[in-house]
C-alpha atoms as a PDB file:
ATOM      1  CA  MET A   1      15.203  17.350 -33.203  1.00  0.00           C
ATOM      2  CA  ALA A   2      14.386  16.788 -29.540  1.00  0.00           C
ATOM      3  CA  PRO A   3      14.552  19.708 -27.137  1.00  0.00           C
ATOM      4  CA  PRO A   4      17.447  19.822 -24.645  1.00  0.00           C
ATOM      5  CA  ASP A   5      17.217  17.309 -21.791  1.00  0.00           C
ATOM      6  CA  ARG A   6      16.828  20.046 -19.169  1.00  0.00           C
ATOM      7  CA  PHE A   7      13.783  21.405 -20.973  1.00  0.00           C
ATOM      8  CA  VAL A   8      12.290  17.928 -21.447  1.00  0.00           C
ATOM      9  CA  ASP A   9      12.718  17.216 -17.726  1.00  0.00           C
ATOM     10  CA  ALA A  10      11.128  20.549 -16.801  1.00  0.00           C
ATOM     11  CA  LEU A  11       8.210  20.061 -19.192  1.00  0.00           C
ATOM     12  CA  ASN A  12       7.616  16.548 -17.853  1.00  0.00           C
ATOM     13  CA  THR A  13       7.488  18.021 -14.343  1.00  0.00           C
ATOM     14  CA  GLN A  14       5.023  20.624 -15.596  1.00  0.00           C
ATOM     15  CA  ILE A  15       2.846  17.900 -17.088  1.00  0.00           C
ATOM     16  CA  THR A  16       2.617  16.428 -13.590  1.00  0.00           C
ATOM     17  CA  ASN A  17       1.801  19.884 -12.201  1.00  0.00           C
ATOM     18  CA  GLU A  18      -0.987  20.333 -14.751  1.00  0.00           C
ATOM     19  CA  PHE A  19      -2.526  16.949 -13.926  1.00  0.00           C
ATOM     20  CA  ALA A  20      -2.320  17.833 -10.212  1.00  0.00           C
ATOM     21  CA  ALA A  21      -4.080  21.147 -10.904  1.00  0.00           C
ATOM     22  CA  SER A  22      -6.773  19.286 -12.819  1.00  0.00           C
ATOM     23  CA  GLN A  23      -7.268  16.874  -9.935  1.00  0.00           C
ATOM     24  CA  GLN A  24      -7.533  19.767  -7.457  1.00  0.00           C
ATOM     25  CA  TYR A  25     -10.197  21.391  -9.600  1.00  0.00           C
ATOM     26  CA  VAL A  26     -12.162  18.134  -9.692  1.00  0.00           C
ATOM     27  CA  ALA A  27     -12.017  18.049  -5.883  1.00  0.00           C
ATOM     28  CA  ILE A  28     -13.236  21.659  -5.711  1.00  0.00           C
ATOM     29  CA  ALA A  29     -16.048  20.931  -8.178  1.00  0.00           C
ATOM     30  CA  ILE A  30     -17.152  17.933  -6.116  1.00  0.00           C
ATOM     31  CA  TYR A  31     -17.119  20.069  -2.974  1.00  0.00           C
ATOM     32  CA  TYR A  32     -19.398  22.626  -4.620  1.00  0.00           C
ATOM     33  CA  GLU A  33     -21.653  19.947  -6.079  1.00  0.00           C
ATOM     34  CA  SER A  34     -22.028  18.365  -2.634  1.00  0.00           C
ATOM     35  CA  HIS A  35     -23.137  21.777  -1.330  1.00  0.00           C
ATOM     36  CA  THR A  36     -25.695  22.261  -4.119  1.00  0.00           C
ATOM     37  CA  LEU A  37     -23.811  25.066  -5.829  1.00  0.00           C
ATOM     38  CA  PRO A  38     -24.169  23.904  -9.439  1.00  0.00           C
ATOM     39  CA  GLN A  39     -22.678  26.950 -11.179  1.00  0.00           C
ATOM     40  CA  LEU A  40     -19.499  26.837  -9.096  1.00  0.00           C
ATOM     41  CA  SER A  41     -19.344  23.075  -9.555  1.00  0.00           C
ATOM     42  CA  GLN A  42     -19.687  23.297 -13.339  1.00  0.00           C
ATOM     43  CA  PHE A  43     -17.152  26.124 -13.491  1.00  0.00           C
ATOM     44  CA  PHE A  44     -14.531  24.045 -11.690  1.00  0.00           C
ATOM     45  CA  TYR A  45     -15.290  20.866 -13.651  1.00  0.00           C
ATOM     46  CA  HIS A  46     -14.598  22.945 -16.761  1.00  0.00           C
ATOM     47  CA  GLN A  47     -11.368  24.251 -15.211  1.00  0.00           C
ATOM     48  CA  ALA A  48     -10.316  20.653 -14.493  1.00  0.00           C
ATOM     49  CA  VAL A  49     -10.736  19.743 -18.161  1.00  0.00           C
ATOM     50  CA  GLU A  50      -8.722  22.811 -19.200  1.00  0.00           C
ATOM     51  CA  GLU A  51      -5.810  21.859 -16.932  1.00  0.00           C
ATOM     52  CA  ARG A  52      -5.921  18.265 -18.168  1.00  0.00           C
ATOM     53  CA  ASN A  53      -5.853  19.527 -21.742  1.00  0.00           C
ATOM     54  CA  HIS A  54      -2.853  21.720 -20.941  1.00  0.00           C
ATOM     55  CA  ALA A  55      -1.025  18.601 -19.773  1.00  0.00           C
ATOM     56  CA  MET A  56      -2.053  16.799 -22.950  1.00  0.00           C
ATOM     57  CA  MET A  57      -0.797  19.706 -25.091  1.00  0.00           C
ATOM     58  CA  MET A  58       2.565  19.391 -23.380  1.00  0.00           C
ATOM     59  CA  CYS A  59       2.558  15.627 -23.955  1.00  0.00           C
ATOM     60  CA  GLN A  60       1.850  16.200 -27.643  1.00  0.00           C
ATOM     61  CA  TYR A  61       4.706  18.683 -27.919  1.00  0.00           C
ATOM     62  CA  LEU A  62       7.138  16.169 -26.453  1.00  0.00           C
ATOM     63  CA  LEU A  63       5.791  13.461 -28.765  1.00  0.00           C
ATOM     64  CA  ASP A  64       6.077  15.786 -31.774  1.00  0.00           C
ATOM     65  CA  THR A  65       9.700  16.537 -30.933  1.00  0.00           C
ATOM     66  CA  SER A  66      10.633  12.865 -30.301  1.00  0.00           C
ATOM     67  CA  ALA A  67      11.230  13.544 -26.605  1.00  0.00           C
ATOM     68  CA  ALA A  68      10.325  11.176 -23.795  1.00  0.00           C
ATOM     69  CA  VAL A  69       7.044  11.703 -21.968  1.00  0.00           C
ATOM     70  CA  ARG A  70       7.204  10.620 -18.326  1.00  0.00           C
ATOM     71  CA  LEU A  71       4.053  10.550 -16.267  1.00  0.00           C
ATOM     72  CA  GLU A  72       4.535  10.740 -12.518  1.00  0.00           C
ATOM     73  CA  GLY A  73       2.175  10.290  -9.597  1.00  0.00           C
ATOM     74  CA  ILE A  74       0.497  13.249  -7.976  1.00  0.00           C
ATOM     75  CA  ALA A  75      -0.402  14.019  -4.379  1.00  0.00           C
ATOM     76  CA  ALA A  76      -4.014  13.772  -3.275  1.00  0.00           C
ATOM     77  CA  PRO A  77      -5.860  17.075  -3.646  1.00  0.00           C
ATOM     78  CA  LYS A  78      -7.310  19.059  -0.779  1.00  0.00           C
ATOM     79  CA  THR A  79     -10.949  18.034  -0.332  1.00  0.00           C
ATOM     80  CA  ASP A  80     -12.072  19.647   2.936  1.00  0.00           C
ATOM     81  CA  PHE A  81     -12.825  23.335   2.919  1.00  0.00           C
ATOM     82  CA  ASP A  82     -13.981  25.858   5.478  1.00  0.00           C
ATOM     83  CA  GLY A  83     -16.728  27.592   3.558  1.00  0.00           C
ATOM     84  CA  PHE A  84     -17.416  28.326  -0.085  1.00  0.00           C
ATOM     85  CA  ILE A  85     -14.719  31.021  -0.453  1.00  0.00           C
ATOM     86  CA  GLU A  86     -11.727  28.890   0.580  1.00  0.00           C
ATOM     87  CA  PRO A  87     -11.696  26.731  -2.593  1.00  0.00           C
ATOM     88  CA  ILE A  88     -11.633  29.847  -4.764  1.00  0.00           C
ATOM     89  CA  ARG A  89      -8.750  31.275  -2.742  1.00  0.00           C
ATOM     90  CA  LEU A  90      -6.918  27.951  -3.196  1.00  0.00           C
ATOM     91  CA  ALA A  91      -7.632  28.067  -6.937  1.00  0.00           C
ATOM     92  CA  LEU A  92      -6.121  31.555  -7.226  1.00  0.00           C
ATOM     93  CA  GLU A  93      -3.033  30.467  -5.271  1.00  0.00           C
ATOM     94  CA  GLN A  94      -2.752  27.430  -7.543  1.00  0.00           C
ATOM     95  CA  GLU A  95      -2.947  29.572 -10.680  1.00  0.00           C
ATOM     96  CA  GLN A  96      -0.301  31.936  -9.299  1.00  0.00           C
ATOM     97  CA  SER A  97       1.937  28.948  -8.593  1.00  0.00           C
ATOM     98  CA  VAL A  98       1.377  27.529 -12.074  1.00  0.00           C
ATOM     99  CA  SER A  99       2.236  30.926 -13.577  1.00  0.00           C
ATOM    100  CA  GLY A 100       5.595  30.782 -11.818  1.00  0.00           C
ATOM    101  CA  GLN A 101       6.155  27.211 -12.964  1.00  0.00           C
ATOM    102  CA  ILE A 102       5.318  28.050 -16.586  1.00  0.00           C
ATOM    103  CA  SER A 103       7.609  31.084 -16.443  1.00  0.00           C
ATOM    104  CA  ASN A 104      10.438  28.879 -15.201  1.00  0.00           C
ATOM    105  CA  VAL A 105       9.954  26.362 -18.031  1.00  0.00           C
ATOM    106  CA  PHE A 106       9.851  29.238 -20.530  1.00  0.00           C
ATOM    107  CA  SER A 107      13.055  30.706 -19.036  1.00  0.00           C
ATOM    108  CA  LEU A 108      14.779  27.349 -19.304  1.00  0.00           C
ATOM    109  CA  ALA A 109      13.918  27.114 -22.998  1.00  0.00           C
ATOM    110  CA  ARG A 110      15.366  30.597 -23.457  1.00  0.00           C
ATOM    111  CA  GLU A 111      18.544  29.721 -21.521  1.00  0.00           C
ATOM    112  CA  GLU A 112      18.987  26.657 -23.706  1.00  0.00           C
ATOM    113  CA  GLN A 113      18.410  28.786 -26.824  1.00  0.00           C
ATOM    114  CA  ASP A 114      15.619  26.374 -27.714  1.00  0.00           C
ATOM    115  CA  TYR A 115      13.516  28.821 -29.670  1.00  0.00           C
ATOM    116  CA  LEU A 116      10.892  26.292 -30.753  1.00  0.00           C
ATOM    117  CA  SER A 117      10.193  25.294 -27.163  1.00  0.00           C
ATOM    118  CA  GLU A 118      10.220  28.946 -26.117  1.00  0.00           C
ATOM    119  CA  GLN A 119       7.586  29.694 -28.751  1.00  0.00           C
ATOM    120  CA  PHE A 120       5.518  26.700 -27.582  1.00  0.00           C
ATOM    121  CA  MET A 121       5.585  27.960 -23.982  1.00  0.00           C
ATOM    122  CA  GLN A 122       4.449  31.485 -24.940  1.00  0.00           C
ATOM    123  CA  TRP A 123       0.850  30.337 -25.344  1.00  0.00           C
ATOM    124  CA  PHE A 124       0.840  29.030 -21.774  1.00  0.00           C
ATOM    125  CA  LEU A 125       2.160  32.359 -20.459  1.00  0.00           C
ATOM    126  CA  LYS A 126      -0.729  34.147 -22.152  1.00  0.00           C
ATOM    127  CA  GLU A 127      -3.166  31.572 -20.804  1.00  0.00           C
ATOM    128  CA  GLN A 128      -1.919  32.077 -17.241  1.00  0.00           C
ATOM    129  CA  VAL A 129      -2.655  35.799 -17.384  1.00  0.00           C
ATOM    130  CA  GLU A 130      -6.265  34.929 -18.231  1.00  0.00           C
ATOM    131  CA  GLU A 131      -6.473  32.168 -15.603  1.00  0.00           C
ATOM    132  CA  GLU A 132      -5.167  34.376 -12.798  1.00  0.00           C
ATOM    133  CA  ALA A 133      -7.480  37.238 -13.788  1.00  0.00           C
ATOM    134  CA  THR A 134     -10.505  34.924 -13.830  1.00  0.00           C
ATOM    135  CA  MET A 135      -9.736  33.472 -10.391  1.00  0.00           C
ATOM    136  CA  SER A 136      -8.908  36.877  -8.960  1.00  0.00           C
ATOM    137  CA  ASP A 137     -12.221  38.302 -10.172  1.00  0.00           C
ATOM    138  CA  LEU A 138     -14.106  35.277  -8.863  1.00  0.00           C
ATOM    139  CA  LEU A 139     -12.473  35.600  -5.451  1.00  0.00           C
ATOM    140  CA  GLU A 140     -13.224  39.324  -5.317  1.00  0.00           C
ATOM    141  CA  VAL A 141     -16.909  38.727  -6.029  1.00  0.00           C
ATOM    142  CA  ALA A 142     -17.057  35.785  -3.591  1.00  0.00           C
ATOM    143  CA  GLU A 143     -15.593  37.902  -0.807  1.00  0.00           C
ATOM    144  CA  ARG A 144     -18.034  40.697  -1.582  1.00  0.00           C
ATOM    145  CA  VAL A 145     -21.050  38.345  -1.299  1.00  0.00           C
ATOM    146  CA  HIS A 146     -19.607  36.150   1.458  1.00  0.00           C
ATOM    147  CA  ASP A 147     -22.966  35.841   3.250  1.00  0.00           C
ATOM    148  CA  ASP A 148     -24.878  34.759   0.146  1.00  0.00           C
ATOM    149  CA  PRO A 149     -23.248  32.140  -2.094  1.00  0.00           C
ATOM    150  CA  MET A 150     -26.330  32.135  -4.333  1.00  0.00           C
ATOM    151  CA  THR A 151     -25.382  35.632  -5.474  1.00  0.00           C
ATOM    152  CA  LEU A 152     -22.052  34.194  -6.627  1.00  0.00           C
ATOM    153  CA  GLU A 153     -23.960  31.439  -8.445  1.00  0.00           C
ATOM    154  CA  GLU A 154     -25.951  34.123 -10.261  1.00  0.00           C
ATOM    155  CA  TYR A 155     -22.756  36.006 -11.125  1.00  0.00           C
ATOM    156  CA  ILE A 156     -21.180  32.893 -12.643  1.00  0.00           C
ATOM    157  CA  ALA A 157     -24.319  32.083 -14.634  1.00  0.00           C
ATOM    158  CA  ARG A 158     -24.451  35.626 -15.950  1.00  0.00           C
ATOM    159  CA  GLU A 159     -20.783  36.550 -16.437  1.00  0.00           C
ATOM    160  CA  VAL A 160     -18.669  33.415 -16.702  1.00  0.00           C
ATOM    161  CA  SER A 161     -20.605  30.505 -18.175  1.00  0.00           C
ATOM    162  CA  GLY A 162     -21.185  29.607 -21.789  1.00  0.00           C
ATOM    163  CA  GLY A 163     -20.373  30.994 -25.161  1.00  0.00           C
ATOM    164  CA  GLU A 164     -16.663  30.145 -25.112  1.00  0.00           C
ATOM    165  CA  GLN A 165     -15.054  29.227 -28.386  1.00  0.00           C
ATOM    166  CA  ALA A 166     -11.988  27.078 -28.935  1.00  0.00           C
ATOM    167  CA  ASP A 167      -8.772  29.116 -29.045  1.00  0.00           C
ATOM    168  CA  PRO A 168      -7.387  28.660 -32.575  1.00  0.00           C
ATOM    169  CA  THR A 169      -3.886  29.518 -31.322  1.00  0.00           C
ATOM    170  CA  ALA A 170      -3.858  26.738 -28.700  1.00  0.00           C
ATOM    171  CA  PRO A 171      -1.337  23.959 -29.207  1.00  0.00           C
ATOM    172  CA  ALA A 172      -2.634  20.540 -30.274  1.00  0.00           C
ATOM    173  CA  ALA A 173      -3.353  18.131 -27.434  1.00  0.00           C
ATOM    174  CA  ALA A 174      -2.394  14.452 -27.409  1.00  0.00           C
ATOM    175  CA  GLY A 175      -5.320  12.168 -28.070  1.00  0.00           C
ATOM    176  CA  GLY A 176      -7.219  14.802 -30.007  1.00  0.00           C
ATOM    177  CA  ALA A 177      -8.484  16.494 -26.843  1.00  0.00           C
ATOM    178  CA  THR A 178     -10.176  19.774 -27.521  1.00  0.00           C
ATOM    179  CA  SER A 179      -9.790  22.781 -25.327  1.00  0.00           C
ATOM    180  CA  LEU A 180     -11.785  25.955 -24.963  1.00  0.00           C
ATOM    181  CA  ALA A 181      -8.638  27.735 -23.855  1.00  0.00           C
END
């Protein structure tokens, strides 16, 4: 049984939002790579893959429920930044925006009494808490070491990178994409 049309429309819009977030993270990663900040670059390339996988999870949910998947175009990401802290600030603002968007899609499922879709969206709510906390911490450290981006590189290498395992509670992604979160 397909979810209500309002939910399908909202989830399709969120798929576009997730792909846009992924594209923005690619742009941020390229910015850092062009400034020889490999840890920041790798971190944001990884974030880009996560956002893409979130979109693919949403696509798979719509496919699994026989609902239409509609892919829409996205706006070009921001590519010019004033210093190494600005992209992180943008990333935090983006995650806060996505949290609001996910909450709205969740609320719509609840309004429609679509309990299966509500349950599906709960994982994304949990994920957004983690995403906002990660970006908030990263911004706090970046602002603290604003005169020395290499200290932030060391922080990422030590505290953020590596060792992540796939989340067994994550929804399946279309195309068999795997996600660490």
